[in-house]
Amino acid sequence: FTLDLTSSTYQKLKTVGEFVTVGSLIVANVRGGRYVALSRACTHQGTTVQYRLNNDDFYCSNHGSEFRTDGTVEQGPATRALTLYRTELTANGNSLRVTE
């Protein structure tokens, strides 16, 4: 799918540290201005994770699991990684393509 970063729904993604959930994914503008798309459900009990700019990771508020920006587990109780998807920003910076 493609996100229109000029739309009111997704324009906040142009700001480092911001994130949105889209279906079963979380898409974030992470430290360094890179875009990351991961499965949004914590692999421990399915709570939606959120991106934390200060830690440059994804965090589950339910039981404290932490995931690196590549989806791997940084701290449990989760033991399985989040699924990582490819992201590609268009040359003009106004569209973000997310693929498997």
N, C-alpha and C. Protein backbone atom coordinates (compact mmCIF):
# COMPACT_ATOMS: atom_id res chain seq x y z
N PHE A 1 0.83 -1.18 0.00
CA PHE A 1 0.00 0.00 0.00
C PHE A 1 0.87 1.24 0.00
N THR A 2 0.27 2.36 -0.34
CA THR A 2 0.98 3.63 -0.39
C THR A 2 0.28 4.65 0.50
N LEU A 3 1.06 5.37 1.30
CA LEU A 3 0.52 6.42 2.16
C LEU A 3 0.81 7.77 1.54
N ASP A 4 -0.19 8.62 1.45
CA ASP A 4 -0.04 9.98 0.95
C ASP A 4 0.35 10.87 2.13
N LEU A 5 1.62 11.25 2.19
CA LEU A 5 2.13 12.02 3.33
C LEU A 5 1.69 13.48 3.30
N THR A 6 0.93 13.87 2.27
CA THR A 6 0.38 15.23 2.24
C THR A 6 -1.04 15.25 2.80
N SER A 7 -1.63 14.06 3.03
CA SER A 7 -3.00 14.01 3.56
C SER A 7 -2.98 14.28 5.06
N SER A 8 -4.08 14.80 5.58
CA SER A 8 -4.15 15.11 7.01
C SER A 8 -3.98 13.86 7.87
N THR A 9 -4.33 12.70 7.33
CA THR A 9 -4.22 11.45 8.09
C THR A 9 -2.76 11.05 8.32
N TYR A 10 -1.89 11.31 7.34
CA TYR A 10 -0.52 10.80 7.41
C TYR A 10 0.57 11.87 7.40
N GLN A 11 0.20 13.15 7.31
CA GLN A 11 1.23 14.18 7.20
C GLN A 11 2.15 14.26 8.42
N LYS A 12 1.67 13.81 9.58
CA LYS A 12 2.54 13.85 10.76
C LYS A 12 3.74 12.92 10.62
N LEU A 13 3.66 11.94 9.68
CA LEU A 13 4.78 11.04 9.46
C LEU A 13 6.00 11.75 8.88
N LYS A 14 5.84 12.97 8.44
CA LYS A 14 7.00 13.73 7.95
C LYS A 14 7.88 14.20 9.11
N THR A 15 7.39 14.06 10.35
CA THR A 15 8.12 14.49 11.53
C THR A 15 8.78 13.28 12.20
N VAL A 16 10.08 13.37 12.45
CA VAL A 16 10.80 12.30 13.14
C VAL A 16 10.16 12.06 14.50
N GLY A 17 9.92 10.80 14.81
CA GLY A 17 9.33 10.42 16.09
C GLY A 17 7.84 10.12 16.02
N GLU A 18 7.20 10.52 14.93
CA GLU A 18 5.76 10.30 14.80
C GLU A 18 5.49 8.92 14.19
N PHE A 19 4.32 8.39 14.49
CA PHE A 19 3.92 7.09 13.95
C PHE A 19 2.42 7.03 13.79
N VAL A 20 1.96 6.11 12.94
CA VAL A 20 0.53 5.84 12.74
C VAL A 20 0.34 4.33 12.64
N THR A 21 -0.87 3.89 12.94
CA THR A 21 -1.21 2.50 12.69
C THR A 21 -2.07 2.46 11.44
N VAL A 22 -1.80 1.49 10.60
CA VAL A 22 -2.52 1.29 9.35
C VAL A 22 -2.85 -0.19 9.26
N GLY A 23 -4.11 -0.53 9.47
CA GLY A 23 -4.47 -1.94 9.48
C GLY A 23 -3.72 -2.66 10.57
N SER A 24 -2.99 -3.70 10.19
CA SER A 24 -2.26 -4.50 11.17
C SER A 24 -0.80 -4.05 11.33
N LEU A 25 -0.46 -2.88 10.77
CA LEU A 25 0.92 -2.38 10.83
C LEU A 25 1.04 -1.09 11.61
N ILE A 26 2.25 -0.83 12.09
CA ILE A 26 2.62 0.47 12.62
C ILE A 26 3.71 1.01 11.70
N VAL A 27 3.56 2.26 11.30
CA VAL A 27 4.53 2.92 10.41
C VAL A 27 5.07 4.12 11.18
N ALA A 28 6.40 4.21 11.26
CA ALA A 28 7.02 5.28 12.05
C ALA A 28 8.14 5.95 11.29
N ASN A 29 8.31 7.24 11.58
CA ASN A 29 9.46 8.00 11.11
C ASN A 29 10.44 7.96 12.29
N VAL A 30 11.43 7.07 12.20
CA VAL A 30 12.32 6.81 13.32
C VAL A 30 13.55 7.72 13.29
N ARG A 31 14.33 7.63 14.36
CA ARG A 31 15.53 8.44 14.49
C ARG A 31 16.35 8.34 13.20
N GLY A 32 16.84 9.47 12.75
CA GLY A 32 17.61 9.52 11.50
C GLY A 32 16.73 9.78 10.29
N GLY A 33 15.41 9.92 10.50
CA GLY A 33 14.50 10.21 9.41
C GLY A 33 14.21 9.03 8.51
N ARG A 34 14.46 7.82 8.99
CA ARG A 34 14.13 6.62 8.22
C ARG A 34 12.69 6.23 8.52
N TYR A 35 12.07 5.54 7.59
CA TYR A 35 10.72 5.02 7.79
C TYR A 35 10.78 3.52 8.06
N VAL A 36 10.03 3.10 9.07
CA VAL A 36 9.98 1.69 9.45
C VAL A 36 8.51 1.28 9.51
N ALA A 37 8.22 0.10 8.97
CA ALA A 37 6.87 -0.48 9.07
C ALA A 37 7.01 -1.88 9.67
N LEU A 38 6.27 -2.10 10.75
CA LEU A 38 6.30 -3.38 11.47
C LEU A 38 4.88 -3.84 11.75
N SER A 39 4.73 -5.13 12.03
CA SER A 39 3.43 -5.59 12.53
C SER A 39 3.20 -4.87 13.86
N ARG A 40 1.98 -4.44 14.10
CA ARG A 40 1.74 -3.58 15.26
C ARG A 40 1.41 -4.34 16.54
N ALA A 41 1.07 -5.62 16.44
CA ALA A 41 0.66 -6.39 17.61
C ALA A 41 1.87 -7.03 18.29
N CYS A 42 2.06 -6.71 19.56
CA CYS A 42 3.12 -7.33 20.34
C CYS A 42 2.98 -8.84 20.25
N THR A 43 4.10 -9.52 20.08
CA THR A 43 4.06 -10.97 19.91
C THR A 43 3.85 -11.70 21.23
N HIS A 44 3.76 -10.97 22.33
CA HIS A 44 3.48 -11.60 23.62
C HIS A 44 1.99 -11.81 23.80
N GLN A 45 1.20 -10.72 23.78
CA GLN A 45 -0.24 -10.86 23.97
C GLN A 45 -1.07 -9.99 23.04
N GLY A 46 -0.44 -9.42 22.00
CA GLY A 46 -1.20 -8.74 20.96
C GLY A 46 -1.52 -7.27 21.15
N THR A 47 -1.01 -6.65 22.20
CA THR A 47 -1.23 -5.22 22.42
C THR A 47 -0.51 -4.42 21.34
N THR A 48 -1.12 -3.33 20.90
CA THR A 48 -0.49 -2.48 19.89
C THR A 48 0.73 -1.78 20.47
N VAL A 49 1.86 -1.88 19.76
CA VAL A 49 3.09 -1.24 20.20
C VAL A 49 3.10 0.22 19.74
N GLN A 50 4.01 0.99 20.32
CA GLN A 50 4.17 2.39 19.93
C GLN A 50 5.66 2.68 19.78
N TYR A 51 5.98 3.66 18.94
CA TYR A 51 7.37 4.04 18.74
C TYR A 51 7.78 5.05 19.80
N ARG A 52 9.00 4.88 20.36
CA ARG A 52 9.56 5.82 21.33
C ARG A 52 10.83 6.42 20.74
N LEU A 53 10.78 7.69 20.41
CA LEU A 53 11.92 8.37 19.80
C LEU A 53 13.13 8.38 20.73
N ASN A 54 12.94 8.68 22.01
CA ASN A 54 14.07 8.77 22.94
C ASN A 54 14.84 7.47 23.04
N ASN A 55 14.16 6.34 22.93
CA ASN A 55 14.82 5.04 23.00
C ASN A 55 15.08 4.45 21.62
N ASP A 56 14.52 5.06 20.58
CA ASP A 56 14.58 4.57 19.21
C ASP A 56 14.17 3.10 19.15
N ASP A 57 12.99 2.82 19.75
CA ASP A 57 12.48 1.46 19.75
C ASP A 57 10.95 1.46 19.76
N PHE A 58 10.40 0.27 19.70
CA PHE A 58 8.94 0.10 19.80
C PHE A 58 8.65 -0.56 21.13
N TYR A 59 7.61 -0.08 21.79
CA TYR A 59 7.33 -0.47 23.17
C TYR A 59 5.89 -0.94 23.32
N CYS A 60 5.72 -2.01 24.08
CA CYS A 60 4.39 -2.51 24.41
C CYS A 60 4.08 -2.10 25.84
N SER A 61 3.05 -1.30 26.00
CA SER A 61 2.71 -0.78 27.32
C SER A 61 2.04 -1.82 28.21
N ASN A 62 1.63 -2.95 27.65
CA ASN A 62 0.93 -3.96 28.43
C ASN A 62 1.86 -4.65 29.43
N HIS A 63 2.96 -5.21 28.97
CA HIS A 63 3.88 -5.91 29.86
C HIS A 63 5.34 -5.47 29.69
N GLY A 64 5.57 -4.40 28.92
CA GLY A 64 6.90 -3.82 28.84
C GLY A 64 7.85 -4.40 27.80
N SER A 65 7.36 -5.19 26.87
CA SER A 65 8.25 -5.69 25.82
C SER A 65 8.77 -4.53 24.98
N GLU A 66 10.02 -4.66 24.54
CA GLU A 66 10.65 -3.65 23.71
C GLU A 66 11.21 -4.32 22.47
N PHE A 67 11.09 -3.63 21.33
CA PHE A 67 11.54 -4.16 20.05
C PHE A 67 12.42 -3.13 19.35
N ARG A 68 13.51 -3.59 18.73
CA ARG A 68 14.37 -2.69 17.95
C ARG A 68 13.63 -2.28 16.68
N THR A 69 14.17 -1.32 15.97
CA THR A 69 13.51 -0.83 14.75
C THR A 69 13.52 -1.85 13.62
N ASP A 70 14.27 -2.93 13.76
CA ASP A 70 14.19 -4.02 12.77
C ASP A 70 13.20 -5.10 13.21
N GLY A 71 12.51 -4.86 14.33
CA GLY A 71 11.49 -5.78 14.82
C GLY A 71 11.97 -6.81 15.83
N THR A 72 13.28 -6.97 15.97
CA THR A 72 13.79 -7.98 16.90
C THR A 72 13.52 -7.58 18.35
N VAL A 73 13.40 -8.59 19.20
CA VAL A 73 13.10 -8.36 20.61
C VAL A 73 14.32 -7.79 21.32
N GLU A 74 14.11 -6.68 22.01
CA GLU A 74 15.16 -6.05 22.81
C GLU A 74 15.00 -6.46 24.27
N GLN A 75 13.74 -6.57 24.70
CA GLN A 75 13.42 -6.97 26.08
C GLN A 75 12.06 -7.64 26.09
N GLY A 76 11.96 -8.77 26.79
CA GLY A 76 10.71 -9.52 26.89
C GLY A 76 9.76 -8.94 27.91
N PRO A 77 8.63 -9.58 28.03
CA PRO A 77 8.39 -11.01 27.90
C PRO A 77 8.19 -11.54 26.47
N ALA A 78 8.01 -10.69 25.48
CA ALA A 78 7.88 -11.19 24.10
C ALA A 78 9.15 -11.95 23.73
N THR A 79 9.00 -13.03 22.96
CA THR A 79 10.17 -13.82 22.54
C THR A 79 10.29 -13.86 21.02
N ARG A 80 9.25 -13.44 20.29
CA ARG A 80 9.28 -13.44 18.83
C ARG A 80 9.32 -12.02 18.30
N ALA A 81 10.02 -11.83 17.21
CA ALA A 81 10.16 -10.51 16.59
C ALA A 81 8.85 -10.07 15.95
N LEU A 82 8.71 -8.76 15.78
CA LEU A 82 7.64 -8.19 14.98
C LEU A 82 8.04 -8.35 13.51
N THR A 83 7.09 -8.51 12.63
CA THR A 83 7.39 -8.64 11.20
C THR A 83 7.77 -7.28 10.62
N LEU A 84 8.88 -7.24 9.91
CA LEU A 84 9.38 -6.02 9.29
C LEU A 84 8.94 -5.98 7.83
N TYR A 85 8.47 -4.82 7.38
CA TYR A 85 8.05 -4.60 5.99
C TYR A 85 8.97 -3.58 5.36
N ARG A 86 9.11 -3.64 4.04
CA ARG A 86 9.95 -2.67 3.31
C ARG A 86 9.20 -1.35 3.15
N THR A 87 9.95 -0.28 3.23
CA THR A 87 9.38 1.06 2.99
C THR A 87 10.22 1.76 1.93
N GLU A 88 9.55 2.56 1.12
CA GLU A 88 10.24 3.32 0.08
C GLU A 88 9.56 4.67 -0.06
N LEU A 89 10.33 5.72 0.19
CA LEU A 89 9.84 7.09 0.07
C LEU A 89 10.04 7.56 -1.36
N THR A 90 9.02 8.19 -1.94
CA THR A 90 9.16 8.71 -3.30
C THR A 90 10.16 9.86 -3.31
N ALA A 91 10.69 10.16 -4.48
CA ALA A 91 11.71 11.20 -4.64
C ALA A 91 11.23 12.55 -4.11
N ASN A 92 9.93 12.86 -4.27
CA ASN A 92 9.43 14.16 -3.81
C ASN A 92 9.09 14.15 -2.32
N GLY A 93 9.18 12.98 -1.66
CA GLY A 93 8.95 12.89 -0.23
C GLY A 93 7.49 12.95 0.18
N ASN A 94 6.57 12.80 -0.77
CA ASN A 94 5.15 12.94 -0.47
C ASN A 94 4.37 11.63 -0.41
N SER A 95 5.02 10.53 -0.78
CA SER A 95 4.35 9.22 -0.73
C SER A 95 5.31 8.18 -0.15
N LEU A 96 4.76 7.30 0.67
CA LEU A 96 5.55 6.23 1.27
C LEU A 96 4.91 4.90 0.89
N ARG A 97 5.68 4.08 0.20
CA ARG A 97 5.19 2.75 -0.23
C ARG A 97 5.64 1.72 0.80
N VAL A 98 4.72 0.86 1.23
CA VAL A 98 5.02 -0.21 2.19
C VAL A 98 4.70 -1.54 1.51
N THR A 99 5.70 -2.44 1.49
CA THR A 99 5.51 -3.75 0.86
C THR A 99 6.11 -4.84 1.75
N GLU A 100 5.75 -6.08 1.43
CA GLU A 100 6.30 -7.21 2.19
C GLU A 100 7.71 -7.50 1.79
